[in-house]
């Protein structure tokens, strides 16, 4: 019975990861066609703004690293220790606007922990 618990934890954490990222993707989709000021109200001022091919690209991002604990199991699936593991949390959102700041498209790269503050904005 214990052996089944570990895969279930992995499955549930994967679902939670998907939910946060889905929430962020849906939120970004809802900004399409709106003014960039709506995104700024959600995320705060962008970290970068640049021009390319007559479009303006706004970038928000975060990156951090840390240490977490990972369970170490014996042959019977029982946890007998925890090992430190390095983790990286990152998120990069780019929003492309055209005339008068109208949002045309967006791009997202990152993981749940890194993007959680942006997902929470929605």
N, C-alpha and C. Protein backbone atom coordinates (compact mmCIF):
# COMPACT_ATOMS: atom_id res chain seq x y z
N UNK A 1 0.81 -1.19 0.00
CA UNK A 1 0.00 0.00 0.00
C UNK A 1 0.86 1.26 0.00
N UNK A 2 1.98 1.23 0.71
CA UNK A 2 2.86 2.40 0.78
C UNK A 2 3.42 2.78 -0.59
N UNK A 3 3.70 1.80 -1.38
CA UNK A 3 4.30 2.05 -2.69
C UNK A 3 3.35 2.89 -3.55
N UNK A 4 2.05 2.73 -3.38
CA UNK A 4 1.09 3.49 -4.16
C UNK A 4 1.00 4.95 -3.73
N UNK A 5 1.38 5.27 -2.51
CA UNK A 5 1.29 6.64 -2.01
C UNK A 5 2.24 7.59 -2.74
N UNK A 6 3.44 7.14 -2.99
CA UNK A 6 4.43 8.00 -3.63
C UNK A 6 3.98 8.42 -5.03
N UNK A 7 3.56 7.49 -5.90
CA UNK A 7 3.09 7.92 -7.21
C UNK A 7 1.89 8.86 -7.12
N UNK A 8 1.01 8.66 -6.14
CA UNK A 8 -0.16 9.52 -6.00
C UNK A 8 0.28 10.95 -5.64
N UNK A 9 1.28 11.07 -4.78
CA UNK A 9 1.81 12.40 -4.42
C UNK A 9 2.38 13.07 -5.66
N UNK A 10 3.10 12.32 -6.46
CA UNK A 10 3.68 12.86 -7.68
C UNK A 10 2.58 13.30 -8.64
N UNK A 11 1.55 12.50 -8.78
CA UNK A 11 0.44 12.84 -9.67
C UNK A 11 -0.27 14.10 -9.18
N UNK A 12 -0.55 14.19 -7.89
CA UNK A 12 -1.25 15.36 -7.34
C UNK A 12 -0.42 16.62 -7.47
N UNK A 13 0.89 16.55 -7.25
CA UNK A 13 1.71 17.74 -7.38
C UNK A 13 1.81 18.16 -8.85
N UNK A 14 1.79 17.20 -9.76
CA UNK A 14 1.78 17.54 -11.18
C UNK A 14 0.50 18.25 -11.58
N UNK A 15 -0.61 17.81 -11.03
CA UNK A 15 -1.89 18.46 -11.31
C UNK A 15 -1.89 19.89 -10.78
N UNK A 16 -1.35 20.09 -9.58
CA UNK A 16 -1.29 21.45 -9.01
C UNK A 16 -0.41 22.34 -9.86
N UNK A 17 0.70 21.79 -10.36
CA UNK A 17 1.58 22.57 -11.23
C UNK A 17 0.84 22.98 -12.48
N UNK A 18 0.14 22.05 -13.08
CA UNK A 18 -0.62 22.34 -14.29
C UNK A 18 -1.68 23.39 -14.06
N UNK A 19 -2.34 23.34 -12.90
CA UNK A 19 -3.41 24.29 -12.61
C UNK A 19 -2.90 25.72 -12.53
N UNK A 20 -1.79 25.94 -11.84
CA UNK A 20 -1.23 27.29 -11.71
C UNK A 20 -0.81 27.83 -13.07
N UNK A 21 -0.17 27.01 -13.86
CA UNK A 21 0.29 27.47 -15.18
C UNK A 21 -0.90 27.67 -16.12
N UNK A 22 -1.92 26.82 -16.00
CA UNK A 22 -3.12 26.99 -16.81
C UNK A 22 -3.81 28.29 -16.45
N UNK A 23 -3.88 28.58 -15.16
CA UNK A 23 -4.48 29.84 -14.69
C UNK A 23 -3.74 31.05 -15.28
N UNK A 24 -2.42 30.98 -15.32
CA UNK A 24 -1.63 32.08 -15.88
C UNK A 24 -1.83 32.18 -17.39
N UNK A 25 -1.80 31.06 -18.08
CA UNK A 25 -2.02 31.09 -19.54
C UNK A 25 -3.41 31.63 -19.88
N UNK A 26 -4.42 31.19 -19.15
CA UNK A 26 -5.78 31.70 -19.39
C UNK A 26 -5.85 33.19 -19.11
N UNK A 27 -5.19 33.62 -18.04
CA UNK A 27 -5.16 35.04 -17.71
C UNK A 27 -4.48 35.87 -18.79
N UNK A 28 -3.36 35.36 -19.30
CA UNK A 28 -2.66 36.07 -20.38
C UNK A 28 -3.51 36.11 -21.64
N UNK A 29 -4.21 35.01 -21.93
CA UNK A 29 -5.12 35.00 -23.08
C UNK A 29 -6.20 36.08 -22.93
N UNK A 30 -6.66 36.28 -21.71
CA UNK A 30 -7.72 37.28 -21.48
C UNK A 30 -7.23 38.70 -21.71
N UNK A 31 -5.92 38.90 -21.72
CA UNK A 31 -5.36 40.24 -21.97
C UNK A 31 -5.25 40.57 -23.46
N UNK A 32 -5.31 39.56 -24.32
CA UNK A 32 -5.21 39.81 -25.76
C UNK A 32 -6.28 40.81 -26.20
N UNK A 33 -5.86 41.81 -26.97
CA UNK A 33 -6.78 42.83 -27.46
C UNK A 33 -6.98 43.99 -26.50
N UNK A 34 -6.49 43.86 -25.28
CA UNK A 34 -6.63 44.93 -24.30
C UNK A 34 -5.38 45.81 -24.31
N UNK A 35 -5.41 46.88 -23.56
CA UNK A 35 -4.28 47.80 -23.51
C UNK A 35 -3.22 47.28 -22.54
N UNK A 36 -1.97 47.60 -22.81
CA UNK A 36 -0.85 47.14 -21.98
C UNK A 36 -0.99 47.62 -20.53
N UNK A 37 -1.70 48.71 -20.32
CA UNK A 37 -1.89 49.20 -18.95
C UNK A 37 -2.63 48.16 -18.08
N UNK A 38 -3.45 47.32 -18.71
CA UNK A 38 -4.14 46.26 -17.97
C UNK A 38 -3.12 45.24 -17.43
N UNK A 39 -2.13 44.90 -18.24
CA UNK A 39 -1.08 43.98 -17.80
C UNK A 39 -0.22 44.63 -16.71
N UNK A 40 0.06 45.90 -16.86
CA UNK A 40 0.87 46.62 -15.86
C UNK A 40 0.12 46.68 -14.53
N UNK A 41 -1.19 46.84 -14.58
CA UNK A 41 -1.98 46.83 -13.34
C UNK A 41 -1.91 45.46 -12.66
N UNK A 42 -1.84 44.40 -13.44
CA UNK A 42 -1.78 43.05 -12.89
C UNK A 42 -0.39 42.71 -12.33
N UNK A 43 0.65 42.99 -13.12
CA UNK A 43 2.01 42.53 -12.81
C UNK A 43 2.93 43.58 -12.23
N UNK A 44 2.55 44.84 -12.31
CA UNK A 44 3.47 45.92 -11.94
C UNK A 44 4.25 46.35 -13.17
N UNK A 45 5.16 47.30 -12.97
CA UNK A 45 5.93 47.79 -14.11
C UNK A 45 6.83 46.69 -14.66
N UNK A 46 6.97 46.62 -15.98
CA UNK A 46 7.81 45.57 -16.58
C UNK A 46 9.29 45.79 -16.26
N UNK A 47 10.04 44.70 -16.32
CA UNK A 47 11.48 44.76 -16.10
C UNK A 47 12.21 45.31 -17.32
N UNK A 48 11.58 45.18 -18.47
CA UNK A 48 12.22 45.63 -19.71
C UNK A 48 11.16 46.00 -20.74
N UNK A 49 11.49 46.97 -21.57
CA UNK A 49 10.65 47.37 -22.70
C UNK A 49 11.57 47.60 -23.88
N UNK A 50 11.25 46.99 -25.03
CA UNK A 50 12.09 47.17 -26.21
C UNK A 50 11.23 47.22 -27.47
N UNK A 51 11.76 47.82 -28.49
CA UNK A 51 11.09 47.93 -29.78
C UNK A 51 11.70 46.94 -30.76
N UNK A 52 10.84 46.31 -31.57
CA UNK A 52 11.33 45.40 -32.59
C UNK A 52 10.28 45.30 -33.70
N UNK A 53 10.68 45.60 -34.91
CA UNK A 53 9.81 45.49 -36.08
C UNK A 53 8.50 46.26 -35.91
N UNK A 54 8.59 47.43 -35.32
CA UNK A 54 7.41 48.26 -35.15
C UNK A 54 6.50 47.83 -34.01
N UNK A 55 6.91 46.85 -33.25
CA UNK A 55 6.15 46.36 -32.10
C UNK A 55 6.92 46.71 -30.83
N UNK A 56 6.19 46.80 -29.72
CA UNK A 56 6.83 47.00 -28.43
C UNK A 56 6.67 45.71 -27.63
N UNK A 57 7.77 45.26 -27.05
CA UNK A 57 7.78 44.03 -26.27
C UNK A 57 8.09 44.38 -24.81
N UNK A 58 7.17 43.99 -23.94
CA UNK A 58 7.32 44.22 -22.50
C UNK A 58 7.67 42.89 -21.85
N UNK A 59 8.64 42.92 -20.94
CA UNK A 59 9.10 41.70 -20.30
C UNK A 59 9.04 41.82 -18.79
N UNK A 60 8.45 40.79 -18.17
CA UNK A 60 8.44 40.63 -16.72
C UNK A 60 9.17 39.34 -16.43
N UNK A 61 9.95 39.31 -15.37
CA UNK A 61 10.64 38.07 -15.06
C UNK A 61 11.11 37.99 -13.62
N UNK A 62 11.32 36.76 -13.20
CA UNK A 62 11.85 36.49 -11.87
C UNK A 62 12.67 35.21 -11.94
N UNK A 63 13.71 35.17 -11.11
CA UNK A 63 14.54 33.97 -11.06
C UNK A 63 15.17 33.88 -9.67
N UNK A 64 15.10 32.69 -9.09
CA UNK A 64 15.75 32.46 -7.81
C UNK A 64 16.13 30.99 -7.71
N UNK A 65 17.07 30.71 -6.84
CA UNK A 65 17.49 29.33 -6.59
C UNK A 65 17.45 29.08 -5.09
N UNK A 66 17.39 27.84 -4.75
CA UNK A 66 17.36 27.48 -3.34
C UNK A 66 17.60 26.00 -3.16
N UNK A 67 17.36 25.54 -1.96
CA UNK A 67 17.54 24.12 -1.63
C UNK A 67 16.24 23.59 -1.06
N UNK A 68 15.90 22.40 -1.48
CA UNK A 68 14.71 21.72 -0.98
C UNK A 68 15.13 20.33 -0.52
N UNK A 69 14.23 19.63 0.12
CA UNK A 69 14.51 18.27 0.56
C UNK A 69 13.74 17.27 -0.28
N UNK A 70 14.42 16.21 -0.63
CA UNK A 70 13.81 15.14 -1.40
C UNK A 70 13.87 13.86 -0.58
N UNK A 71 12.75 13.13 -0.49
CA UNK A 71 12.79 11.89 0.30
C UNK A 71 13.66 10.82 -0.37
N UNK A 72 14.36 10.08 0.46
CA UNK A 72 15.15 8.93 0.01
C UNK A 72 14.46 7.69 0.56
N UNK A 73 14.18 6.74 -0.33
CA UNK A 73 13.41 5.56 0.07
C UNK A 73 14.25 4.29 -0.01
N UNK A 74 13.86 3.33 0.81
CA UNK A 74 14.52 2.03 0.74
C UNK A 74 13.80 1.16 -0.30
N UNK A 75 14.21 -0.07 -0.39
CA UNK A 75 13.66 -0.99 -1.40
C UNK A 75 12.18 -1.29 -1.18
N UNK A 76 11.66 -0.99 0.01
CA UNK A 76 10.26 -1.25 0.33
C UNK A 76 9.37 -0.02 0.14
N UNK A 77 9.96 1.05 -0.36
CA UNK A 77 9.19 2.27 -0.58
C UNK A 77 8.99 3.11 0.65
N UNK A 78 9.76 2.83 1.69
CA UNK A 78 9.66 3.60 2.93
C UNK A 78 10.71 4.71 2.94
N UNK A 79 10.30 5.88 3.36
CA UNK A 79 11.23 7.01 3.45
C UNK A 79 12.10 6.81 4.69
N UNK A 80 13.41 6.88 4.48
CA UNK A 80 14.30 6.73 5.63
C UNK A 80 15.21 7.94 5.82
N UNK A 81 15.20 8.86 4.87
CA UNK A 81 16.02 10.07 5.01
C UNK A 81 15.54 11.11 4.00
N UNK A 82 16.06 12.30 4.15
CA UNK A 82 15.79 13.38 3.19
C UNK A 82 17.12 13.92 2.70
N UNK A 83 17.23 14.08 1.40
CA UNK A 83 18.47 14.58 0.81
C UNK A 83 18.23 15.99 0.25
N UNK A 84 19.20 16.87 0.44
CA UNK A 84 19.05 18.22 -0.12
C UNK A 84 19.18 18.18 -1.64
N UNK A 85 18.40 18.99 -2.30
CA UNK A 85 18.46 19.09 -3.75
C UNK A 85 18.32 20.56 -4.14
N UNK A 86 19.11 21.00 -5.11
CA UNK A 86 19.03 22.38 -5.58
C UNK A 86 17.81 22.56 -6.47
N UNK A 87 17.14 23.68 -6.30
CA UNK A 87 15.95 23.98 -7.11
C UNK A 87 16.11 25.36 -7.72
N UNK A 88 15.49 25.56 -8.86
CA UNK A 88 15.51 26.83 -9.56
C UNK A 88 14.07 27.23 -9.88
N UNK A 89 13.71 28.43 -9.48
CA UNK A 89 12.38 28.96 -9.75
C UNK A 89 12.53 30.12 -10.73
N UNK A 90 11.83 30.06 -11.85
CA UNK A 90 11.97 31.14 -12.82
C UNK A 90 10.68 31.34 -13.59
N UNK A 91 10.55 32.53 -14.12
CA UNK A 91 9.40 32.87 -14.95
C UNK A 91 9.77 34.07 -15.82
N UNK A 92 9.37 34.00 -17.07
CA UNK A 92 9.57 35.11 -18.00
C UNK A 92 8.31 35.26 -18.84
N UNK A 93 7.72 36.44 -18.78
CA UNK A 93 6.53 36.74 -19.57
C UNK A 93 6.88 37.87 -20.52
N UNK A 94 6.62 37.66 -21.79
CA UNK A 94 6.79 38.72 -22.79
C UNK A 94 5.44 39.00 -23.43
N UNK A 95 5.08 40.27 -23.46
CA UNK A 95 3.83 40.69 -24.07
C UNK A 95 4.16 41.65 -25.21
N UNK A 96 3.60 41.35 -26.39
CA UNK A 96 3.86 42.15 -27.59
C UNK A 96 2.66 43.03 -27.87
N UNK A 97 2.93 44.32 -28.07
CA UNK A 97 1.86 45.26 -28.38
C UNK A 97 2.10 45.92 -29.73
N UNK A 98 1.01 46.38 -30.31
CA UNK A 98 1.07 47.11 -31.58
C UNK A 98 0.67 48.55 -31.31
N UNK A 99 -0.03 49.16 -32.24
CA UNK A 99 -0.43 50.55 -32.14
C UNK A 99 -1.20 50.83 -30.86
N UNK A 100 -0.89 51.95 -30.26
CA UNK A 100 -1.59 52.45 -29.08
C UNK A 100 -1.57 51.48 -27.90
N UNK A 101 -0.58 50.59 -27.84
CA UNK A 101 -0.43 49.70 -26.70
C UNK A 101 -1.38 48.52 -26.66
N UNK A 102 -2.01 48.19 -27.79
CA UNK A 102 -2.95 47.06 -27.83
C UNK A 102 -2.16 45.74 -27.82
N UNK A 103 -2.50 44.86 -26.88
CA UNK A 103 -1.80 43.58 -26.74
C UNK A 103 -2.19 42.64 -27.88
N UNK A 104 -1.16 42.15 -28.60
CA UNK A 104 -1.38 41.24 -29.72
C UNK A 104 -1.14 39.78 -29.34
N UNK A 105 -0.07 39.55 -28.60
CA UNK A 105 0.29 38.18 -28.24
C UNK A 105 1.19 38.19 -27.01
N UNK A 106 1.47 37.02 -26.51
CA UNK A 106 2.34 36.89 -25.35
C UNK A 106 3.13 35.59 -25.44
N UNK A 107 4.18 35.51 -24.63
CA UNK A 107 4.98 34.29 -24.56
C UNK A 107 5.33 34.06 -23.09
N UNK A 108 5.30 32.81 -22.67
CA UNK A 108 5.54 32.44 -21.28
C UNK A 108 6.58 31.34 -21.22
N UNK A 109 7.54 31.50 -20.31
CA UNK A 109 8.54 30.46 -20.09
C UNK A 109 8.84 30.43 -18.60
N UNK A 110 8.73 29.27 -17.98
CA UNK A 110 9.04 29.18 -16.56
C UNK A 110 8.39 27.99 -15.91
N UNK A 111 8.45 27.96 -14.58
CA UNK A 111 7.84 26.88 -13.83
C UNK A 111 6.84 27.44 -12.82
N UNK A 112 6.09 26.54 -12.21
CA UNK A 112 5.00 26.95 -11.32
C UNK A 112 5.48 27.85 -10.19
N UNK A 113 6.52 27.47 -9.52
CA UNK A 113 7.02 28.27 -8.39
C UNK A 113 7.46 29.65 -8.85
N UNK A 114 8.15 29.71 -9.96
CA UNK A 114 8.61 31.00 -10.46
C UNK A 114 7.48 31.88 -10.95
N UNK A 115 6.44 31.29 -11.52
CA UNK A 115 5.33 32.05 -12.10
C UNK A 115 4.16 32.25 -11.15
N UNK A 116 4.24 31.72 -9.95
CA UNK A 116 3.09 31.76 -9.04
C UNK A 116 2.63 33.18 -8.73
N UNK A 117 3.55 34.12 -8.55
CA UNK A 117 3.12 35.48 -8.24
C UNK A 117 2.36 36.11 -9.40
N UNK A 118 2.72 35.75 -10.63
CA UNK A 118 2.00 36.27 -11.79
C UNK A 118 0.65 35.58 -11.93
N UNK A 119 0.61 34.27 -11.68
CA UNK A 119 -0.67 33.55 -11.74
C UNK A 119 -1.64 34.07 -10.70
N UNK A 120 -1.12 34.41 -9.53
CA UNK A 120 -1.97 34.94 -8.46
C UNK A 120 -2.60 36.28 -8.80
N UNK A 121 -2.04 36.98 -9.78
CA UNK A 121 -2.59 38.27 -10.21
C UNK A 121 -3.95 38.09 -10.89
N UNK A 122 -4.23 36.87 -11.34
CA UNK A 122 -5.50 36.58 -11.98
C UNK A 122 -6.41 35.88 -11.01
